[in-house]
Amino acid sequence: MGVPDGGGLRATAWKLLLCYLSPSRDVWEKELTENRQKYAKLKEELLLSPSAYTRVRADAMISAELSRDGDVAGPLKRQGISHGDHPLSVGKASAWDHYFKHTEIAEQIDRDLQRTHSDMKFFSGESSFSKKNREAMRNILLLFAKLNPAICYVQGMNEVLAPILYVFSTDTDEQNALNAEADSFSCFVRLLSDSVDHFCQQLDNSPVGILSTLSRLAKLLKENDEELWKHLEFTTQVKPQFYAFRWITLLLSQEFNFQSILRIWDSLLSNPFGVQDMLLRICCAMLLCMKSRLLRGDFAANLRLLQHYPDINIEHLLQVAQDLSADTSSCSLSL
């Protein structure tokens, strides 16, 4: 039945389900402190410009020397900088070369963030509140891109991150809400680890790529309703890649209103066979719940229906998904 709204229950439940918090409550404070400190260190090392990072390190060294030697008057020490770390250096190993290389990615992230749930004040607008939330998302996505150069940033990752940051930022525990960015980063990485191959174009045709997952969806539909499967596959030729690519890669985060997305994610994250297993069940259930309309429709009508999925009773949809006969857990990865 999902997690009750309010009281910070959903934030805590999601952290547990994503294995960010261990089952033992006694170690939560220690785990959170360590993970938040690691995130702060990553931001310092990877998001600051090389000159700003050099200043931070220099200040830390000066503070350490003063603590060791006492506040003794004397000449100020100048910090040296190597030729390779000068902003005008053209060397590929230069810290500045790496920094400038990600400028284009940062600009793409900024454009996408401007479109993220533009109907919600949490994400959109010029208030200091919404700007702070977009800045947190920018940091997380840029840091992910730098840590995962093979995947980098792909449009749509912002949509996957949005529910996590929203839930953690609205936690009634003030300390947790203040550290929502750090917690969101770790949970975003954990969630994406189950489906990150869907964002990698080079893996599209591999057993872990998006085309393989779309084939599993078609197989699941065939096993549960062969009539509907034949109508979509052969009569109207509405292939899963025409409508379900976005459903699967973005974890349904663009198909329903925001509160419904949170409810759906309660079921995705709590499925014992993994996120992907429940995700395919829900996608299949979305087709079954529209069966009568799909059987009446032609290619254009069905494509329009599935690309702009209508309002539906979410609890009914999830029950249909849960009751599907096929078990795809052997093909899925659990968190």
Protein backbone atom coordinates (compact mmCIF):
# COMPACT_ATOMS: atom_id res chain seq x y z
CA MET A 1 0.00 0.00 0.00
CA GLY A 2 3.01 2.30 -0.16
CA VAL A 3 4.56 4.53 2.49
CA PRO A 4 2.26 6.99 4.32
CA ASP A 5 2.91 10.63 3.41
CA GLY A 6 4.38 12.91 6.05
CA GLY A 7 6.59 12.35 9.08
CA GLY A 8 9.72 11.60 7.05
CA LEU A 9 8.75 7.93 6.78
CA ARG A 10 9.24 7.76 3.02
CA ALA A 11 12.74 9.28 3.22
CA THR A 12 13.84 6.75 5.83
CA ALA A 13 12.16 3.84 4.00
CA TRP A 14 13.82 4.69 0.68
CA LYS A 15 17.25 4.98 2.32
CA LEU A 16 16.76 1.54 3.83
CA LEU A 17 15.43 -0.02 0.63
CA LEU A 18 18.36 1.39 -1.35
CA CYS A 19 20.77 0.00 1.27
CA TYR A 20 22.07 3.47 2.10
CA LEU A 21 21.15 2.76 5.71
CA SER A 22 21.84 -0.64 7.23
CA PRO A 23 19.06 -2.60 8.99
CA SER A 24 20.66 -1.84 12.38
CA ARG A 25 19.41 1.52 13.60
CA ASP A 26 22.29 1.75 16.09
CA VAL A 27 24.78 2.58 13.33
CA TRP A 28 22.67 5.04 11.32
CA GLU A 29 24.24 8.15 12.80
CA LYS A 30 27.76 6.86 12.14
CA GLU A 31 26.91 5.79 8.58
CA LEU A 32 25.25 9.09 7.73
CA THR A 33 28.13 11.14 9.15
CA GLU A 34 30.73 9.15 7.19
CA ASN A 35 28.79 9.25 3.90
CA ARG A 36 28.11 12.97 4.19
CA GLN A 37 31.77 13.68 4.88
CA LYS A 38 32.78 11.60 1.84
CA TYR A 39 30.38 13.59 -0.33
CA ALA A 40 31.74 16.91 0.95
CA LYS A 41 35.27 15.72 0.10
CA LEU A 42 34.21 14.65 -3.41
CA LYS A 43 32.64 18.06 -4.03
CA GLU A 44 35.79 19.79 -2.85
CA GLU A 45 38.04 17.69 -5.07
CA LEU A 46 35.91 17.49 -8.22
CA LEU A 47 33.55 20.47 -8.34
CA LEU A 48 35.80 23.33 -7.25
CA SER A 49 37.89 25.00 -9.93
CA PRO A 50 41.59 24.02 -9.66
CA SER A 51 42.50 27.49 -8.36
CA ALA A 52 39.78 27.37 -5.69
CA TYR A 53 40.82 23.84 -4.71
CA THR A 54 44.46 24.95 -4.46
CA ARG A 55 43.44 27.81 -2.15
CA VAL A 56 41.42 25.47 0.07
CA ARG A 57 44.34 23.05 0.34
CA ALA A 58 46.77 25.90 0.99
CA ASP A 59 44.55 27.34 3.74
CA ALA A 60 44.33 23.92 5.33
CA MET A 61 48.12 23.52 5.25
CA ILE A 62 48.66 26.99 6.75
CA SER A 63 46.14 26.24 9.51
CA ALA A 64 47.91 22.97 10.24
CA GLU A 65 51.31 24.70 10.42
CA LEU A 66 49.99 27.41 12.72
CA SER A 67 48.46 24.80 14.98
CA ARG A 68 51.76 22.94 15.08
CA ASP A 69 54.15 25.88 15.42
CA GLY A 70 51.97 28.37 17.24
CA ASP A 71 51.01 31.80 15.96
CA VAL A 72 54.58 33.01 15.30
CA ALA A 73 55.10 36.22 13.36
CA GLY A 74 57.12 35.85 10.18
CA PRO A 75 57.08 36.19 6.41
CA LEU A 76 54.03 34.82 4.60
CA LYS A 77 54.68 31.72 2.52
CA ARG A 78 53.63 31.79 -1.13
CA GLN A 79 52.09 28.69 -2.64
CA GLY A 80 53.67 27.46 -5.83
CA ILE A 81 51.75 26.19 -8.85
CA SER A 82 53.03 23.83 -11.52
CA HIS A 83 52.99 24.82 -15.19
CA GLY A 84 50.52 21.98 -15.86
CA ASP A 85 48.01 23.42 -13.43
CA HIS A 86 48.00 26.92 -14.91
CA PRO A 87 44.61 27.89 -16.50
CA LEU A 88 46.31 28.54 -19.87
CA SER A 89 48.02 25.15 -19.92
CA VAL A 90 47.09 23.03 -22.96
CA GLY A 91 48.32 19.77 -21.47
CA LYS A 92 45.79 16.91 -21.46
CA ALA A 93 46.83 15.99 -17.91
CA SER A 94 46.19 19.54 -16.70
CA ALA A 95 43.63 19.97 -13.93
CA TRP A 96 42.22 22.91 -15.88
CA ASP A 97 41.82 20.80 -19.03
CA HIS A 98 39.64 18.38 -17.06
CA TYR A 99 37.72 21.28 -15.53
CA PHE A 100 36.92 22.98 -18.86
CA LYS A 101 36.03 19.64 -20.47
CA HIS A 102 32.97 19.41 -18.21
CA THR A 103 31.71 22.95 -18.92
CA GLU A 104 29.55 21.73 -21.82
CA ILE A 105 28.08 18.97 -19.65
CA ALA A 106 27.28 21.49 -16.92
CA GLU A 107 25.49 23.68 -19.46
CA GLN A 108 23.39 20.72 -20.66
CA ILE A 109 22.49 19.90 -17.05
CA ASP A 110 21.47 23.53 -16.43
CA ARG A 111 19.18 23.48 -19.48
CA ASP A 112 17.54 20.25 -18.37
CA LEU A 113 17.08 21.49 -14.80
CA GLN A 114 15.14 24.50 -16.07
CA ARG A 115 12.58 22.05 -17.51
CA THR A 116 12.43 19.69 -14.52
CA HIS A 117 8.89 19.69 -13.07
CA SER A 118 8.35 23.29 -14.09
CA ASP A 119 4.92 23.20 -12.42
CA MET A 120 6.43 22.69 -8.95
CA LYS A 121 7.86 25.54 -6.85
CA PHE A 122 10.34 23.10 -5.33
CA PHE A 123 12.18 22.84 -8.66
CA SER A 124 11.06 25.85 -10.68
CA GLY A 125 11.16 29.61 -10.35
CA GLU A 126 13.61 32.25 -9.19
CA SER A 127 13.11 31.94 -5.43
CA SER A 128 16.19 31.20 -3.32
CA PHE A 129 14.46 27.93 -2.33
CA SER A 130 14.09 26.59 -5.88
CA LYS A 131 17.56 27.88 -6.88
CA LYS A 132 19.09 26.01 -3.94
CA ASN A 133 17.36 22.79 -5.00
CA ARG A 134 18.48 23.15 -8.62
CA GLU A 135 22.02 23.84 -7.44
CA ALA A 136 21.95 20.63 -5.38
CA MET A 137 20.74 18.66 -8.43
CA ARG A 138 23.42 20.28 -10.59
CA ASN A 139 26.15 19.27 -8.12
CA ILE A 140 24.92 15.68 -7.95
CA LEU A 141 24.57 15.22 -11.72
CA LEU A 142 27.90 16.87 -12.51
CA LEU A 143 29.67 14.84 -9.85
CA PHE A 144 28.11 11.64 -11.23
CA ALA A 145 29.29 12.59 -14.73
CA LYS A 146 32.86 13.17 -13.54
CA LEU A 147 32.98 9.93 -11.59
CA ASN A 148 31.50 7.91 -14.48
CA PRO A 149 33.21 9.18 -17.67
CA ALA A 150 32.06 6.17 -19.73
CA ILE A 151 28.42 7.12 -19.11
CA CYS A 152 28.82 10.78 -18.18
CA TYR A 153 25.50 12.67 -18.02
CA VAL A 154 22.53 11.64 -20.17
CA GLN A 155 19.40 13.72 -20.58
CA GLY A 156 16.71 12.27 -18.32
CA MET A 157 18.94 11.56 -15.34
CA ASN A 158 17.59 14.80 -13.88
CA GLU A 159 14.09 13.28 -13.90
CA VAL A 160 15.31 10.21 -12.00
CA LEU A 161 17.07 12.35 -9.41
CA ALA A 162 14.12 14.71 -8.79
CA PRO A 163 11.90 12.41 -6.66
CA ILE A 164 14.86 11.42 -4.46
CA LEU A 165 15.92 14.99 -3.71
CA TYR A 166 12.33 16.07 -3.11
CA VAL A 167 11.63 13.26 -0.64
CA PHE A 168 14.89 13.75 1.27
CA SER A 169 14.59 17.55 1.34
CA THR A 170 11.08 17.40 2.78
CA ASP A 171 12.09 15.03 5.59
CA THR A 172 10.69 16.37 8.87
CA ASP A 173 14.02 15.62 10.54
CA GLU A 174 15.84 18.95 10.18
CA GLN A 175 19.34 17.45 10.11
CA ASN A 176 18.36 14.99 7.40
CA ALA A 177 16.72 17.74 5.34
CA LEU A 178 19.87 19.89 5.61
CA ASN A 179 21.95 16.99 4.27
CA ALA A 180 19.50 16.02 1.52
CA GLU A 181 22.03 16.71 -1.24
CA ALA A 182 24.65 14.33 0.14
CA ASP A 183 22.10 11.59 0.88
CA SER A 184 20.46 12.05 -2.53
CA PHE A 185 23.77 11.61 -4.32
CA SER A 186 24.48 8.25 -2.68
CA CYS A 187 20.93 6.97 -3.24
CA PHE A 188 20.85 8.23 -6.83
CA VAL A 189 24.03 6.26 -7.57
CA ARG A 190 22.57 3.15 -5.94
CA LEU A 191 19.29 3.45 -7.86
CA LEU A 192 21.01 4.06 -11.18
CA SER A 193 23.35 1.09 -10.69
CA ASP A 194 20.33 -1.13 -11.37
CA SER A 195 19.57 0.48 -14.74
CA VAL A 196 22.56 2.58 -15.77
CA ASP A 197 23.22 0.34 -18.80
CA HIS A 198 19.98 1.66 -20.31
CA PHE A 199 21.66 5.07 -20.61
CA CYS A 200 24.70 3.66 -22.44
CA GLN A 201 24.11 3.60 -26.21
CA GLN A 202 27.05 1.24 -26.82
CA LEU A 203 25.22 -1.43 -24.78
CA ASP A 204 21.83 -1.08 -26.52
CA ASN A 205 22.17 -4.46 -28.26
CA SER A 206 23.78 -6.28 -25.34
CA PRO A 207 21.94 -8.57 -22.89
CA VAL A 208 21.90 -5.72 -20.34
CA GLY A 209 20.95 -2.95 -22.80
CA ILE A 210 17.63 -1.20 -23.30
CA LEU A 211 16.62 -3.29 -26.36
CA SER A 212 16.93 -6.48 -24.34
CA THR A 213 14.76 -4.98 -21.59
CA LEU A 214 12.15 -3.89 -24.15
CA SER A 215 12.10 -7.47 -25.49
CA ARG A 216 11.43 -8.72 -21.97
CA LEU A 217 8.48 -6.35 -21.73
CA ALA A 218 7.05 -7.69 -25.00
CA LYS A 219 7.52 -11.25 -23.74
CA LEU A 220 5.79 -10.41 -20.46
CA LEU A 221 2.82 -8.94 -22.34
CA LYS A 222 2.61 -11.97 -24.62
CA GLU A 223 2.54 -14.34 -21.64
CA ASN A 224 -0.25 -12.40 -19.96
CA ASP A 225 -2.36 -11.28 -22.93
CA GLU A 226 -1.44 -12.72 -26.32
CA GLU A 227 -4.36 -11.00 -28.04
CA LEU A 228 -3.17 -7.53 -27.03
CA TRP A 229 0.45 -8.45 -27.80
CA LYS A 230 -0.45 -9.54 -31.36
CA HIS A 231 -2.51 -6.40 -31.94
CA LEU A 232 0.35 -4.11 -30.90
CA GLU A 233 3.15 -6.15 -32.43
CA PHE A 234 1.62 -7.10 -35.79
CA THR A 235 -1.73 -5.41 -36.47
CA THR A 236 -0.77 -1.83 -35.54
CA GLN A 237 3.00 -2.40 -35.28
CA VAL A 238 3.34 -0.21 -32.21
CA LYS A 239 6.70 -1.54 -30.97
CA PRO A 240 7.79 -1.10 -27.32
CA GLN A 241 10.69 1.15 -28.36
CA PHE A 242 8.15 3.73 -29.58
CA TYR A 243 6.64 4.27 -26.13
CA ALA A 244 8.36 2.21 -23.42
CA PHE A 245 11.92 3.49 -23.92
CA ARG A 246 11.07 6.56 -21.82
CA TRP A 247 8.96 4.55 -19.36
CA ILE A 248 11.90 2.27 -18.55
CA THR A 249 14.92 4.59 -18.69
CA LEU A 250 13.23 7.28 -16.57
CA LEU A 251 11.53 4.82 -14.16
CA LEU A 252 8.08 6.20 -15.11
CA SER A 253 9.02 9.60 -13.69
CA GLN A 254 7.39 11.49 -16.59
CA GLU A 255 4.22 9.48 -17.06
CA PHE A 256 2.20 10.42 -13.97
CA ASN A 257 1.70 13.32 -11.56
CA PHE A 258 4.41 13.74 -8.95
CA GLN A 259 2.53 12.23 -5.99
CA SER A 260 1.69 9.17 -8.08
CA ILE A 261 5.35 8.83 -9.02
CA LEU A 262 6.31 8.73 -5.33
CA ARG A 263 3.70 6.01 -4.71
CA ILE A 264 4.92 3.98 -7.70
CA TRP A 265 8.51 4.26 -6.52
CA ASP A 266 7.50 2.87 -3.11
CA SER A 267 6.61 -0.33 -4.99
CA LEU A 268 9.64 -0.22 -7.29
CA LEU A 269 12.13 0.11 -4.45
CA SER A 270 10.46 -2.44 -2.16
CA ASN A 271 10.16 -5.23 -4.72
CA PRO A 272 12.26 -8.17 -3.41
CA PHE A 273 13.29 -9.13 -6.97
CA GLY A 274 14.67 -5.69 -7.79
CA VAL A 275 13.55 -2.44 -9.36
CA GLN A 276 13.65 -3.72 -12.95
CA ASP A 277 11.34 -6.65 -12.23
CA MET A 278 8.60 -4.43 -10.78
CA LEU A 279 9.18 -1.75 -13.40
CA LEU A 280 8.45 -4.22 -16.23
CA ARG A 281 5.38 -5.48 -14.38
CA ILE A 282 4.01 -1.93 -14.08
CA CYS A 283 4.75 -1.18 -17.74
CA CYS A 284 2.91 -4.34 -18.75
CA ALA A 285 0.02 -3.45 -16.44
CA MET A 286 -0.18 -0.01 -18.10
CA LEU A 287 -0.84 -1.78 -21.40
CA LEU A 288 -3.36 -4.22 -19.92
CA CYS A 289 -5.31 -1.41 -18.24
CA MET A 290 -5.72 0.27 -21.65
CA LYS A 291 -6.56 -2.95 -23.50
CA SER A 292 -10.02 -2.01 -24.80
CA ARG A 293 -8.81 1.34 -26.15
CA LEU A 294 -5.68 -0.18 -27.67
CA LEU A 295 -7.64 -2.92 -29.46
CA ARG A 296 -9.87 -0.26 -31.04
CA GLY A 297 -6.98 1.99 -32.03
CA ASP A 298 -4.75 2.16 -35.09
CA PHE A 299 -1.02 2.96 -35.10
CA ALA A 300 -1.43 6.73 -34.63
CA ALA A 301 -4.13 6.50 -31.96
CA ASN A 302 -2.28 3.87 -29.92
CA LEU A 303 1.04 5.68 -30.13
CA ARG A 304 -0.59 8.91 -28.98
CA LEU A 305 -2.32 7.09 -26.10
CA LEU A 306 0.85 5.41 -24.85
CA GLN A 307 3.09 8.46 -25.25
CA HIS A 308 0.57 10.55 -23.28
CA TYR A 309 -0.69 8.00 -20.76
CA PRO A 310 -4.07 9.00 -19.27
CA ASP A 311 -4.92 9.41 -15.59
CA ILE A 312 -5.52 6.11 -13.83
CA ASN A 313 -6.16 4.74 -10.36
CA ILE A 314 -2.58 4.05 -9.25
CA GLU A 315 -3.51 1.46 -6.62
CA HIS A 316 -5.46 -0.51 -9.25
CA LEU A 317 -2.51 -0.27 -11.67
CA LEU A 318 -0.06 -1.55 -9.07
CA GLN A 319 -2.39 -4.41 -8.11
CA VAL A 320 -2.62 -5.49 -11.74
CA ALA A 321 1.19 -5.37 -11.92
CA GLN A 322 1.54 -7.43 -8.76
CA ASP A 323 -0.89 -10.08 -10.04
CA LEU A 324 0.87 -10.75 -13.35
CA SER A 325 1.57 -14.43 -13.87
CA ALA A 326 5.08 -14.24 -15.32
CA ASP A 327 8.07 -14.08 -12.98
CA THR A 328 10.92 -12.10 -14.56
CA SER A 329 13.03 -11.97 -11.43
CA SER A 330 15.61 -14.36 -12.86
CA CYS A 331 16.43 -11.72 -15.48
CA SER A 332 16.66 -8.78 -13.12
CA LEU A 333 19.26 -7.33 -10.81
CA SER A 334 18.30 -6.72 -7.22
CA LEU A 335 19.77 -3.77 -5.35
